[in-house]
Amino acid sequence: MNDNVLRYTKRVFNIITLLGFVATIVGGVYLWRLGAFQNQEILQQLIVAHRFLGPLIFLCMQVLQVIVPIIPGGITMAAGVMIFGPVWGFVYNYLGIAAGSFILFHFGRKYGSALAKTFVKEKTYNKYMTWFDKGQKRFNIIFVLLILSPVAPDDALVLIASQTKMSWKFLIWTIILCKPLPILLYSYLLIFGGSFIGHFL
């Protein structure tokens, strides 16, 4: 990858990350002033009132948080279920995260290991790549098992997988078949776990 192109790509991603961070703070302050954090119904009404724009904004946010780590994905997954309900919240989470994973894989393939190492610590990158050194089949099996886990660093895994010989077909089917379970587990554990703890506080 050309050094100039790499520097430009890093700069673009850094700008997007900064803008996203600023937007998150501004949006958070705005919602707080509206009382959305103190009253869940206000947040639901605010989003659902915009019948098409609300879900679209949330989908874009989920796609973006996969590509650029602005806010933790666990928070947005739980928010999706709380705002849109268990069914549509899951659907929007799933579609956004899947689309973001495919885009991230494409970027990794296009810009190579230099880009991957920009977002993944070198120690982590080398650790996962040692699995690939033992064979693509072995790496694919480990990849599937980790994608099924609700605590695995999925974004880093997808980016690293893009540096192997993993096929698009394998990636797509892995995300389609394996991603629903961890999304369900993570979302509901955060919601009901928080409610359970809050009951005793």
C-alpha atoms as a PDB file:
ATOM      1  CA  MET A   1       0.000   0.000   0.000  1.00  0.00           C
ATOM      2  CA  ASN A   2       1.383   3.424  -0.957  1.00  0.00           C
ATOM      3  CA  ASP A   3       2.587   5.416   2.084  1.00  0.00           C
ATOM      4  CA  ASN A   4       0.776   8.553   0.952  1.00  0.00           C
ATOM      5  CA  VAL A   5      -2.491   6.645   0.515  1.00  0.00           C
ATOM      6  CA  LEU A   6      -2.042   5.020   3.922  1.00  0.00           C
ATOM      7  CA  ARG A   7      -1.415   8.369   5.615  1.00  0.00           C
ATOM      8  CA  TYR A   8      -4.469   9.821   3.865  1.00  0.00           C
ATOM      9  CA  THR A   9      -6.600   6.838   4.930  1.00  0.00           C
ATOM     10  CA  LYS A  10      -5.443   7.128   8.530  1.00  0.00           C
ATOM     11  CA  ARG A  11      -6.186  10.849   8.481  1.00  0.00           C
ATOM     12  CA  VAL A  12      -9.700  10.247   7.148  1.00  0.00           C
ATOM     13  CA  PHE A  13     -10.417   7.598   9.782  1.00  0.00           C
ATOM     14  CA  ASN A  14      -9.017   9.833  12.521  1.00  0.00           C
ATOM     15  CA  ILE A  15     -11.238  12.707  11.387  1.00  0.00           C
ATOM     16  CA  ILE A  16     -14.283  10.430  11.279  1.00  0.00           C
ATOM     17  CA  THR A  17     -13.459   9.133  14.762  1.00  0.00           C
ATOM     18  CA  LEU A  18     -13.044  12.671  16.120  1.00  0.00           C
ATOM     19  CA  LEU A  19     -16.270  13.893  14.513  1.00  0.00           C
ATOM     20  CA  GLY A  20     -18.099  10.847  15.792  1.00  0.00           C
ATOM     21  CA  PHE A  21     -16.757  11.407  19.289  1.00  0.00           C
ATOM     22  CA  VAL A  22     -17.828  15.059  19.236  1.00  0.00           C
ATOM     23  CA  ALA A  23     -21.250  14.121  17.838  1.00  0.00           C
ATOM     24  CA  THR A  24     -21.655  11.515  20.584  1.00  0.00           C
ATOM     25  CA  ILE A  25     -20.923  14.100  23.290  1.00  0.00           C
ATOM     26  CA  VAL A  26     -23.210  16.731  21.740  1.00  0.00           C
ATOM     27  CA  GLY A  27     -25.976  14.187  21.239  1.00  0.00           C
ATOM     28  CA  GLY A  28     -25.550  12.886  24.775  1.00  0.00           C
ATOM     29  CA  VAL A  29     -25.814  16.382  26.275  1.00  0.00           C
ATOM     30  CA  TYR A  30     -28.879  17.123  24.124  1.00  0.00           C
ATOM     31  CA  LEU A  31     -30.624  13.913  25.212  1.00  0.00           C
ATOM     32  CA  TRP A  32     -29.692  14.541  28.837  1.00  0.00           C
ATOM     33  CA  ARG A  33     -31.231  18.015  28.725  1.00  0.00           C
ATOM     34  CA  LEU A  34     -34.386  16.485  27.286  1.00  0.00           C
ATOM     35  CA  GLY A  35     -34.461  14.039  30.174  1.00  0.00           C
ATOM     36  CA  ALA A  36     -34.067  11.022  27.904  1.00  0.00           C
ATOM     37  CA  PHE A  37     -31.559   9.330  30.203  1.00  0.00           C
ATOM     38  CA  GLN A  38     -33.748   9.828  33.251  1.00  0.00           C
ATOM     39  CA  ASN A  39     -36.912   8.619  31.522  1.00  0.00           C
ATOM     40  CA  GLN A  40     -36.708   5.802  28.961  1.00  0.00           C
ATOM     41  CA  GLU A  41     -40.147   6.699  27.533  1.00  0.00           C
ATOM     42  CA  ILE A  42     -38.854  10.108  26.430  1.00  0.00           C
ATOM     43  CA  LEU A  43     -36.003   8.450  24.506  1.00  0.00           C
ATOM     44  CA  GLN A  44     -38.383   5.945  22.907  1.00  0.00           C
ATOM     45  CA  GLN A  45     -40.847   8.648  21.894  1.00  0.00           C
ATOM     46  CA  LEU A  46     -38.053  10.794  20.465  1.00  0.00           C
ATOM     47  CA  ILE A  47     -36.752   7.999  18.231  1.00  0.00           C
ATOM     48  CA  VAL A  48     -40.023   6.307  17.321  1.00  0.00           C
ATOM     49  CA  ALA A  49     -41.637   9.670  16.511  1.00  0.00           C
ATOM     50  CA  HIS A  50     -39.338   9.763  13.489  1.00  0.00           C
ATOM     51  CA  ARG A  51     -40.741   6.571  12.017  1.00  0.00           C
ATOM     52  CA  PHE A  52     -38.195   6.181   9.228  1.00  0.00           C
ATOM     53  CA  LEU A  53     -35.409   8.565  10.202  1.00  0.00           C
ATOM     54  CA  GLY A  54     -34.992   7.107  13.707  1.00  0.00           C
ATOM     55  CA  PRO A  55     -34.255   3.521  12.608  1.00  0.00           C
ATOM     56  CA  LEU A  56     -32.085   4.797   9.741  1.00  0.00           C
ATOM     57  CA  ILE A  57     -29.962   6.905  12.091  1.00  0.00           C
ATOM     58  CA  PHE A  58     -29.601   3.968  14.463  1.00  0.00           C
ATOM     59  CA  LEU A  59     -28.602   1.614  11.618  1.00  0.00           C
ATOM     60  CA  CYS A  60     -25.967   4.083  10.419  1.00  0.00           C
ATOM     61  CA  MET A  61     -24.674   4.428  13.969  1.00  0.00           C
ATOM     62  CA  GLN A  62     -24.330   0.656  14.289  1.00  0.00           C
ATOM     63  CA  VAL A  63     -22.505   0.403  10.967  1.00  0.00           C
ATOM     64  CA  LEU A  64     -20.177   3.225  11.957  1.00  0.00           C
ATOM     65  CA  GLN A  65     -19.367   1.855  15.404  1.00  0.00           C
ATOM     66  CA  VAL A  66     -18.156  -1.364  13.778  1.00  0.00           C
ATOM     67  CA  ILE A  67     -15.911   0.444  11.290  1.00  0.00           C
ATOM     68  CA  VAL A  68     -14.655   3.183  13.610  1.00  0.00           C
ATOM     69  CA  PRO A  69     -14.599   2.543  17.389  1.00  0.00           C
ATOM     70  CA  ILE A  70     -16.441   5.655  18.538  1.00  0.00           C
ATOM     71  CA  ILE A  71     -18.625   4.146  21.260  1.00  0.00           C
ATOM     72  CA  PRO A  72     -18.771   0.595  22.659  1.00  0.00           C
ATOM     73  CA  GLY A  73     -20.941  -1.713  20.565  1.00  0.00           C
ATOM     74  CA  GLY A  74     -22.481  -3.251  23.677  1.00  0.00           C
ATOM     75  CA  ILE A  75     -24.045   0.071  24.637  1.00  0.00           C
ATOM     76  CA  THR A  76     -25.623   0.601  21.213  1.00  0.00           C
ATOM     77  CA  MET A  77     -26.916  -2.988  21.120  1.00  0.00           C
ATOM     78  CA  ALA A  78     -28.649  -2.580  24.468  1.00  0.00           C
ATOM     79  CA  ALA A  79     -29.973   0.829  23.390  1.00  0.00           C
ATOM     80  CA  GLY A  80     -31.451  -0.696  20.228  1.00  0.00           C
ATOM     81  CA  VAL A  81     -33.487  -3.221  22.214  1.00  0.00           C
ATOM     82  CA  MET A  82     -34.584  -0.624  24.770  1.00  0.00           C
ATOM     83  CA  ILE A  83     -35.681   1.871  22.112  1.00  0.00           C
ATOM     84  CA  PHE A  84     -37.211  -0.342  19.422  1.00  0.00           C
ATOM     85  CA  GLY A  85     -38.251  -3.341  21.490  1.00  0.00           C
ATOM     86  CA  PRO A  86     -36.922  -6.918  21.526  1.00  0.00           C
ATOM     87  CA  VAL A  87     -37.830  -7.818  17.926  1.00  0.00           C
ATOM     88  CA  TRP A  88     -37.017  -4.710  15.894  1.00  0.00           C
ATOM     89  CA  GLY A  89     -34.154  -3.814  18.221  1.00  0.00           C
ATOM     90  CA  PHE A  90     -32.557  -7.156  17.426  1.00  0.00           C
ATOM     91  CA  VAL A  91     -33.224  -6.736  13.688  1.00  0.00           C
ATOM     92  CA  TYR A  92     -31.658  -3.270  13.535  1.00  0.00           C
ATOM     93  CA  ASN A  93     -28.686  -4.382  15.631  1.00  0.00           C
ATOM     94  CA  TYR A  94     -28.130  -7.405  13.429  1.00  0.00           C
ATOM     95  CA  LEU A  95     -28.425  -5.555  10.110  1.00  0.00           C
ATOM     96  CA  GLY A  96     -26.180  -2.694  11.224  1.00  0.00           C
ATOM     97  CA  ILE A  97     -23.450  -4.898  12.696  1.00  0.00           C
ATOM     98  CA  ALA A  98     -23.500  -7.304   9.733  1.00  0.00           C
ATOM     99  CA  ALA A  99     -23.251  -4.464   7.210  1.00  0.00           C
ATOM    100  CA  GLY A 100     -20.460  -2.834   9.221  1.00  0.00           C
ATOM    101  CA  SER A 101     -18.540  -6.131   9.348  1.00  0.00           C
ATOM    102  CA  PHE A 102     -18.744  -6.554   5.567  1.00  0.00           C
ATOM    103  CA  ILE A 103     -17.560  -2.984   4.969  1.00  0.00           C
ATOM    104  CA  LEU A 104     -14.699  -3.424   7.449  1.00  0.00           C
ATOM    105  CA  PHE A 105     -13.620  -6.657   5.736  1.00  0.00           C
ATOM    106  CA  HIS A 106     -13.642  -4.838   2.392  1.00  0.00           C
ATOM    107  CA  PHE A 107     -11.477  -2.009   3.754  1.00  0.00           C
ATOM    108  CA  GLY A 108      -9.054  -4.539   5.228  1.00  0.00           C
ATOM    109  CA  ARG A 109      -8.745  -6.332   1.899  1.00  0.00           C
ATOM    110  CA  LYS A 110      -8.326  -3.089  -0.007  1.00  0.00           C
ATOM    111  CA  TYR A 111      -5.785  -1.345   2.221  1.00  0.00           C
ATOM    112  CA  GLY A 112      -3.879  -4.325   3.631  1.00  0.00           C
ATOM    113  CA  SER A 113      -2.100  -5.081   6.905  1.00  0.00           C
ATOM    114  CA  ALA A 114      -0.955  -1.480   7.407  1.00  0.00           C
ATOM    115  CA  LEU A 115      -4.572  -0.423   7.907  1.00  0.00           C
ATOM    116  CA  ALA A 116      -5.312  -3.428  10.111  1.00  0.00           C
ATOM    117  CA  LYS A 117      -2.403  -2.532  12.384  1.00  0.00           C
ATOM    118  CA  THR A 118      -3.741   1.002  12.631  1.00  0.00           C
ATOM    119  CA  PHE A 119      -6.809  -0.229  14.518  1.00  0.00           C
ATOM    120  CA  VAL A 120      -5.524  -3.464  16.061  1.00  0.00           C
ATOM    121  CA  LYS A 121      -2.665  -3.548  18.560  1.00  0.00           C
ATOM    122  CA  GLU A 122       0.388  -5.187  17.063  1.00  0.00           C
ATOM    123  CA  LYS A 123       0.506  -7.773  19.854  1.00  0.00           C
ATOM    124  CA  THR A 124      -3.118  -8.749  19.187  1.00  0.00           C
ATOM    125  CA  TYR A 125      -2.560  -8.768  15.445  1.00  0.00           C
ATOM    126  CA  ASN A 126       0.460 -11.064  15.723  1.00  0.00           C
ATOM    127  CA  LYS A 127      -1.375 -13.352  18.147  1.00  0.00           C
ATOM    128  CA  TYR A 128      -4.265 -13.973  15.760  1.00  0.00           C
ATOM    129  CA  MET A 129      -2.031 -14.253  12.726  1.00  0.00           C
ATOM    130  CA  THR A 130      -0.098 -17.094  14.370  1.00  0.00           C
ATOM    131  CA  TRP A 131      -3.335 -19.084  14.130  1.00  0.00           C
ATOM    132  CA  PHE A 132      -3.420 -18.374  10.422  1.00  0.00           C
ATOM    133  CA  ASP A 133       0.181 -19.582  10.112  1.00  0.00           C
ATOM    134  CA  LYS A 134      -1.046 -22.991  11.264  1.00  0.00           C
ATOM    135  CA  GLY A 135      -3.458 -23.151   8.331  1.00  0.00           C
ATOM    136  CA  GLN A 136      -6.475 -21.323   6.912  1.00  0.00           C
ATOM    137  CA  LYS A 137      -8.864 -24.095   7.953  1.00  0.00           C
ATOM    138  CA  ARG A 138      -7.730 -23.875  11.575  1.00  0.00           C
ATOM    139  CA  PHE A 139      -8.029 -20.081  11.505  1.00  0.00           C
ATOM    140  CA  ASN A 140     -11.561 -20.329  10.039  1.00  0.00           C
ATOM    141  CA  ILE A 141     -12.687 -22.676  12.809  1.00  0.00           C
ATOM    142  CA  ILE A 142     -11.310 -20.389  15.527  1.00  0.00           C
ATOM    143  CA  PHE A 143     -12.878 -17.395  13.769  1.00  0.00           C
ATOM    144  CA  VAL A 144     -16.333 -19.017  13.799  1.00  0.00           C
ATOM    145  CA  LEU A 145     -16.044 -19.949  17.482  1.00  0.00           C
ATOM    146  CA  LEU A 146     -14.966 -16.429  18.448  1.00  0.00           C
ATOM    147  CA  ILE A 147     -17.712 -14.774  16.400  1.00  0.00           C
ATOM    148  CA  LEU A 148     -20.183 -16.934  18.355  1.00  0.00           C
ATOM    149  CA  SER A 149     -18.796 -15.518  21.598  1.00  0.00           C
ATOM    150  CA  PRO A 150     -20.465 -12.372  22.993  1.00  0.00           C
ATOM    151  CA  VAL A 151     -17.165 -11.109  24.446  1.00  0.00           C
ATOM    152  CA  ALA A 152     -14.760 -11.612  21.512  1.00  0.00           C
ATOM    153  CA  PRO A 153     -13.297  -8.519  19.765  1.00  0.00           C
ATOM    154  CA  ASP A 154     -15.346  -9.023  16.583  1.00  0.00           C
ATOM    155  CA  ASP A 155     -14.204  -5.868  14.806  1.00  0.00           C
ATOM    156  CA  ALA A 156     -10.543  -6.766  15.255  1.00  0.00           C
ATOM    157  CA  LEU A 157     -11.239 -10.344  14.190  1.00  0.00           C
ATOM    158  CA  VAL A 158     -12.936  -9.265  10.973  1.00  0.00           C
ATOM    159  CA  LEU A 159     -10.117  -6.873  10.164  1.00  0.00           C
ATOM    160  CA  ILE A 160      -7.492  -9.535  10.813  1.00  0.00           C
ATOM    161  CA  ALA A 161      -9.483 -12.124   8.827  1.00  0.00           C
ATOM    162  CA  SER A 162      -9.324  -9.785   5.850  1.00  0.00           C
ATOM    163  CA  GLN A 163      -5.550 -10.286   5.847  1.00  0.00           C
ATOM    164  CA  THR A 164      -5.892 -14.062   5.452  1.00  0.00           C
ATOM    165  CA  LYS A 165      -7.147 -16.152   2.538  1.00  0.00           C
ATOM    166  CA  MET A 166     -10.649 -16.322   3.999  1.00  0.00           C
ATOM    167  CA  SER A 167     -13.221 -16.127   1.222  1.00  0.00           C
ATOM    168  CA  TRP A 168     -16.029 -13.601   1.091  1.00  0.00           C
ATOM    169  CA  LYS A 169     -18.515 -16.480   1.001  1.00  0.00           C
ATOM    170  CA  PHE A 170     -17.170 -17.934   4.257  1.00  0.00           C
ATOM    171  CA  LEU A 171     -17.193 -14.547   5.988  1.00  0.00           C
ATOM    172  CA  ILE A 172     -20.730 -13.699   4.886  1.00  0.00           C
ATOM    173  CA  TRP A 173     -22.176 -17.038   5.993  1.00  0.00           C
ATOM    174  CA  THR A 174     -20.291 -16.879   9.298  1.00  0.00           C
ATOM    175  CA  ILE A 175     -21.698 -13.436  10.089  1.00  0.00           C
ATOM    176  CA  ILE A 176     -25.204 -14.389   8.942  1.00  0.00           C
ATOM    177  CA  LEU A 177     -25.361 -17.640  10.924  1.00  0.00           C
ATOM    178  CA  CYS A 178     -23.201 -16.914  13.958  1.00  0.00           C
ATOM    179  CA  LYS A 179     -23.782 -13.248  14.764  1.00  0.00           C
ATOM    180  CA  PRO A 180     -27.431 -13.430  15.958  1.00  0.00           C
ATOM    181  CA  LEU A 181     -26.594 -15.435  19.113  1.00  0.00           C
ATOM    182  CA  PRO A 182     -23.992 -13.065  20.613  1.00  0.00           C
ATOM    183  CA  ILE A 183     -26.136 -10.043  19.714  1.00  0.00           C
ATOM    184  CA  LEU A 184     -29.059 -11.551  21.623  1.00  0.00           C
ATOM    185  CA  LEU A 185     -26.919 -12.572  24.580  1.00  0.00           C
ATOM    186  CA  TYR A 186     -25.036  -9.294  24.841  1.00  0.00           C
ATOM    187  CA  SER A 187     -28.121  -7.087  24.447  1.00  0.00           C
ATOM    188  CA  TYR A 188     -30.306  -8.903  26.932  1.00  0.00           C
ATOM    189  CA  LEU A 189     -27.563  -9.529  29.476  1.00  0.00           C
ATOM    190  CA  LEU A 190     -26.857  -5.796  29.563  1.00  0.00           C
ATOM    191  CA  ILE A 191     -30.538  -4.886  29.879  1.00  0.00           C
ATOM    192  CA  PHE A 192     -31.755  -7.520  32.331  1.00  0.00           C
ATOM    193  CA  GLY A 193     -28.453  -7.669  34.182  1.00  0.00           C
ATOM    194  CA  GLY A 194     -28.610  -3.915  34.710  1.00  0.00           C
ATOM    195  CA  SER A 195     -32.235  -4.142  35.814  1.00  0.00           C
ATOM    196  CA  PHE A 196     -31.404  -6.962  38.232  1.00  0.00           C
ATOM    197  CA  ILE A 197     -28.560  -4.997  39.800  1.00  0.00           C
ATOM    198  CA  GLY A 198     -30.655  -1.831  39.887  1.00  0.00           C
ATOM    199  CA  HIS A 199     -33.368  -3.722  41.816  1.00  0.00           C
ATOM    200  CA  PHE A 200     -30.982  -4.161  44.747  1.00  0.00           C
ATOM    201  CA  LEU A 201     -29.472  -0.657  44.676  1.00  0.00           C
END
